[in-house]
PDB file of N, CA and C in Angstrom:
ATOM      1  N   ALA A   1      19.030  -8.847  -3.869  1.00  0.00           N
ATOM      2  CA  ALA A   1      18.500 -10.136  -3.475  1.00  0.00           C
ATOM      3  C   ALA A   1      18.111 -10.899  -4.727  1.00  0.00           C
ATOM      4  N   ALA A   2      18.598 -12.081  -4.847  1.00  0.00           N
ATOM      5  CA  ALA A   2      18.332 -12.904  -6.024  1.00  0.00           C
ATOM      6  C   ALA A   2      16.845 -13.207  -6.146  1.00  0.00           C
ATOM      7  N   GLY A   3      16.344 -13.107  -7.356  1.00  0.00           N
ATOM      8  CA  GLY A   3      14.949 -13.429  -7.616  1.00  0.00           C
ATOM      9  C   GLY A   3      13.972 -12.293  -7.383  1.00  0.00           C
ATOM     10  N   CYS A   4      14.436 -11.146  -6.902  1.00  0.00           N
ATOM     11  CA  CYS A   4      13.539 -10.013  -6.678  1.00  0.00           C
ATOM     12  C   CYS A   4      13.263  -9.315  -8.008  1.00  0.00           C
ATOM     13  N   PRO A   5      11.997  -8.990  -8.279  1.00  0.00           N
ATOM     14  CA  PRO A   5      11.696  -8.295  -9.527  1.00  0.00           C
ATOM     15  C   PRO A   5      12.271  -6.878  -9.503  1.00  0.00           C
ATOM     16  N   ILE A   6      12.727  -6.425 -10.651  1.00  0.00           N
ATOM     17  CA  ILE A   6      13.245  -5.062 -10.766  1.00  0.00           C
ATOM     18  C   ILE A   6      12.513  -4.345 -11.890  1.00  0.00           C
ATOM     19  N   GLN A   7      12.596  -3.040 -11.895  1.00  0.00           N
ATOM     20  CA  GLN A   7      11.987  -2.238 -12.943  1.00  0.00           C
ATOM     21  C   GLN A   7      13.039  -1.257 -13.432  1.00  0.00           C
ATOM     22  N   ARG A   8      13.225  -1.193 -14.736  1.00  0.00           N
ATOM     23  CA  ARG A   8      14.198  -0.253 -15.293  1.00  0.00           C
ATOM     24  C   ARG A   8      13.825   1.169 -14.905  1.00  0.00           C
ATOM     25  N   GLY A   9      14.816   2.010 -14.788  1.00  0.00           N
ATOM     26  CA  GLY A   9      14.570   3.400 -14.422  1.00  0.00           C
ATOM     27  C   GLY A   9      13.642   4.100 -15.390  1.00  0.00           C
ATOM     28  N   THR A  10      13.783   3.806 -16.681  1.00  0.00           N
ATOM     29  CA  THR A  10      12.914   4.462 -17.658  1.00  0.00           C
ATOM     30  C   THR A  10      11.471   3.998 -17.499  1.00  0.00           C
ATOM     31  N   ASP A  11      11.258   2.731 -17.178  1.00  0.00           N
ATOM     32  CA  ASP A  11       9.894   2.250 -16.958  1.00  0.00           C
ATOM     33  C   ASP A  11       9.268   2.950 -15.761  1.00  0.00           C
ATOM     34  N   MET A  12      10.035   3.130 -14.725  1.00  0.00           N
ATOM     35  CA  MET A  12       9.546   3.831 -13.537  1.00  0.00           C
ATOM     36  C   MET A  12       9.197   5.275 -13.895  1.00  0.00           C
ATOM     37  N   LEU A  13      10.016   5.894 -14.720  1.00  0.00           N
ATOM     38  CA  LEU A  13       9.760   7.271 -15.149  1.00  0.00           C
ATOM     39  C   LEU A  13       8.432   7.366 -15.894  1.00  0.00           C
ATOM     40  N   PHE A  14       8.168   6.424 -16.808  1.00  0.00           N
ATOM     41  CA  PHE A  14       6.907   6.438 -17.548  1.00  0.00           C
ATOM     42  C   PHE A  14       5.715   6.316 -16.605  1.00  0.00           C
ATOM     43  N   GLU A  15       5.872   5.606 -15.508  1.00  0.00           N
ATOM     44  CA  GLU A  15       4.791   5.461 -14.532  1.00  0.00           C
ATOM     45  C   GLU A  15       4.596   6.736 -13.713  1.00  0.00           C
ATOM     46  N   MET A  16       5.655   7.514 -13.523  1.00  0.00           N
ATOM     47  CA  MET A  16       5.593   8.721 -12.688  1.00  0.00           C
ATOM     48  C   MET A  16       5.142   9.962 -13.461  1.00  0.00           C
ATOM     49  N   ILE A  17       5.424  10.018 -14.751  1.00  0.00           N
ATOM     50  CA  ILE A  17       5.132  11.218 -15.542  1.00  0.00           C
ATOM     51  C   ILE A  17       3.662  11.640 -15.465  1.00  0.00           C
ATOM     52  N   PRO A  18       2.680  10.730 -15.592  1.00  0.00           N
ATOM     53  CA  PRO A  18       1.283  11.173 -15.520  1.00  0.00           C
ATOM     54  C   PRO A  18       0.944  11.917 -14.222  1.00  0.00           C
ATOM     55  N   ALA A  19       1.518  11.504 -13.108  1.00  0.00           N
ATOM     56  CA  ALA A  19       1.254  12.192 -11.837  1.00  0.00           C
ATOM     57  C   ALA A  19       1.802  13.617 -11.868  1.00  0.00           C
ATOM     58  N   TYR A  20       2.988  13.792 -12.448  1.00  0.00           N
ATOM     59  CA  TYR A  20       3.555  15.140 -12.567  1.00  0.00           C
ATOM     60  C   TYR A  20       2.706  16.002 -13.493  1.00  0.00           C
ATOM     61  N   LEU A  21       2.245  15.442 -14.588  1.00  0.00           N
ATOM     62  CA  LEU A  21       1.401  16.203 -15.508  1.00  0.00           C
ATOM     63  C   LEU A  21       0.117  16.647 -14.823  1.00  0.00           C
ATOM     64  N   ARG A  22      -0.517  15.729 -14.059  1.00  0.00           N
ATOM     65  CA  ARG A  22      -1.731  16.086 -13.314  1.00  0.00           C
ATOM     66  C   ARG A  22      -1.448  17.187 -12.297  1.00  0.00           C
ATOM     67  N   PHE A  23      -0.329  17.078 -11.589  1.00  0.00           N
ATOM     68  CA  PHE A  23       0.022  18.051 -10.557  1.00  0.00           C
ATOM     69  C   PHE A  23       0.116  19.460 -11.137  1.00  0.00           C
ATOM     70  N   PHE A  24       0.676  19.578 -12.343  1.00  0.00           N
ATOM     71  CA  PHE A  24       0.847  20.886 -12.973  1.00  0.00           C
ATOM     72  C   PHE A  24      -0.313  21.240 -13.902  1.00  0.00           C
ATOM     73  N   ASN A  25      -1.430  20.506 -13.775  1.00  0.00           N
ATOM     74  CA  ASN A  25      -2.639  20.763 -14.574  1.00  0.00           C
ATOM     75  C   ASN A  25      -2.363  20.766 -16.071  1.00  0.00           C
ATOM     76  N   LEU A  26      -1.527  19.832 -16.515  1.00  0.00           N
ATOM     77  CA  LEU A  26      -1.220  19.675 -17.932  1.00  0.00           C
ATOM     78  C   LEU A  26      -1.983  18.467 -18.466  1.00  0.00           C
ATOM     79  N   PRO A  27      -2.161  18.396 -19.786  1.00  0.00           N
ATOM     80  CA  PRO A  27      -2.828  17.214 -20.345  1.00  0.00           C
ATOM     81  C   PRO A  27      -2.086  15.939 -19.945  1.00  0.00           C
ATOM     82  N   VAL A  28      -2.841  14.946 -19.527  1.00  0.00           N
ATOM     83  CA  VAL A  28      -2.246  13.715 -19.005  1.00  0.00           C
ATOM     84  C   VAL A  28      -2.165  12.658 -20.098  1.00  0.00           C
ATOM     85  N   ALA A  29      -1.038  11.989 -20.149  1.00  0.00           N
ATOM     86  CA  ALA A  29      -0.839  10.844 -21.040  1.00  0.00           C
ATOM     87  C   ALA A  29      -0.670   9.603 -20.173  1.00  0.00           C
ATOM     88  N   THR A  30      -1.099   8.478 -20.684  1.00  0.00           N
ATOM     89  CA  THR A  30      -0.925   7.231 -19.935  1.00  0.00           C
ATOM     90  C   THR A  30       0.506   6.727 -20.112  1.00  0.00           C
ATOM     91  N   PRO A  31       0.974   5.891 -19.194  1.00  0.00           N
ATOM     92  CA  PRO A  31       2.310   5.319 -19.362  1.00  0.00           C
ATOM     93  C   PRO A  31       2.459   4.584 -20.698  1.00  0.00           C
ATOM     94  N   GLU A  32       1.396   3.925 -21.142  1.00  0.00           N
ATOM     95  CA  GLU A  32       1.449   3.202 -22.415  1.00  0.00           C
ATOM     96  C   GLU A  32       1.640   4.166 -23.583  1.00  0.00           C
ATOM     97  N   GLN A  33       0.935   5.304 -23.552  1.00  0.00           N
ATOM     98  CA  GLN A  33       1.093   6.306 -24.608  1.00  0.00           C
ATOM     99  C   GLN A  33       2.510   6.859 -24.615  1.00  0.00           C
ATOM    100  N   LEU A  34       3.053   7.103 -23.447  1.00  0.00           N
ATOM    101  CA  LEU A  34       4.412   7.635 -23.352  1.00  0.00           C
ATOM    102  C   LEU A  34       5.430   6.647 -23.909  1.00  0.00           C
ATOM    103  N   ARG A  35       5.252   5.376 -23.607  1.00  0.00           N
ATOM    104  CA  ARG A  35       6.175   4.345 -24.125  1.00  0.00           C
ATOM    105  C   ARG A  35       6.128   4.281 -25.648  1.00  0.00           C
ATOM    106  N   GLU A  36       4.913   4.420 -26.219  1.00  0.00           N
ATOM    107  CA  GLU A  36       4.777   4.378 -27.678  1.00  0.00           C
ATOM    108  C   GLU A  36       5.491   5.550 -28.341  1.00  0.00           C
ATOM    109  N   LEU A  37       5.486   6.710 -27.692  1.00  0.00           N
ATOM    110  CA  LEU A  37       6.096   7.911 -28.268  1.00  0.00           C
ATOM    111  C   LEU A  37       7.594   8.014 -28.016  1.00  0.00           C
ATOM    112  N   ALA A  38       8.061   7.318 -27.014  1.00  0.00           N
ATOM    113  CA  ALA A  38       9.473   7.424 -26.621  1.00  0.00           C
ATOM    114  C   ALA A  38      10.390   6.885 -27.714  1.00  0.00           C
ATOM    115  N   GLU A  39      11.514   7.545 -27.859  1.00  0.00           N
ATOM    116  CA  GLU A  39      12.529   7.107 -28.827  1.00  0.00           C
ATOM    117  C   GLU A  39      13.756   6.616 -28.071  1.00  0.00           C
ATOM    118  N   ILE A  40      13.529   5.672 -27.162  1.00  0.00           N
ATOM    119  CA  ILE A  40      14.604   5.145 -26.315  1.00  0.00           C
ATOM    120  C   ILE A  40      15.083   3.826 -26.885  1.00  0.00           C
ATOM    121  N   ARG A  41      16.385   3.686 -26.936  1.00  0.00           N
ATOM    122  CA  ARG A  41      16.983   2.431 -27.389  1.00  0.00           C
ATOM    123  C   ARG A  41      17.751   1.829 -26.225  1.00  0.00           C
ATOM    124  N   TYR A  42      17.382   0.618 -25.833  1.00  0.00           N
ATOM    125  CA  TYR A  42      18.024  -0.040 -24.695  1.00  0.00           C
ATOM    126  C   TYR A  42      19.249  -0.785 -25.137  1.00  0.00           C
TER     127      TYR A  42
END
């Protein structure tokens, strides 16, 4: 649908990772921290 906002798959992944880390009782990083560390080239 024209004009509908979209989110790149990698952005969605950064938003989901903290929930997975919490679920497995691992240290949690924020989506912003993950984006800073990522070595992704679009």
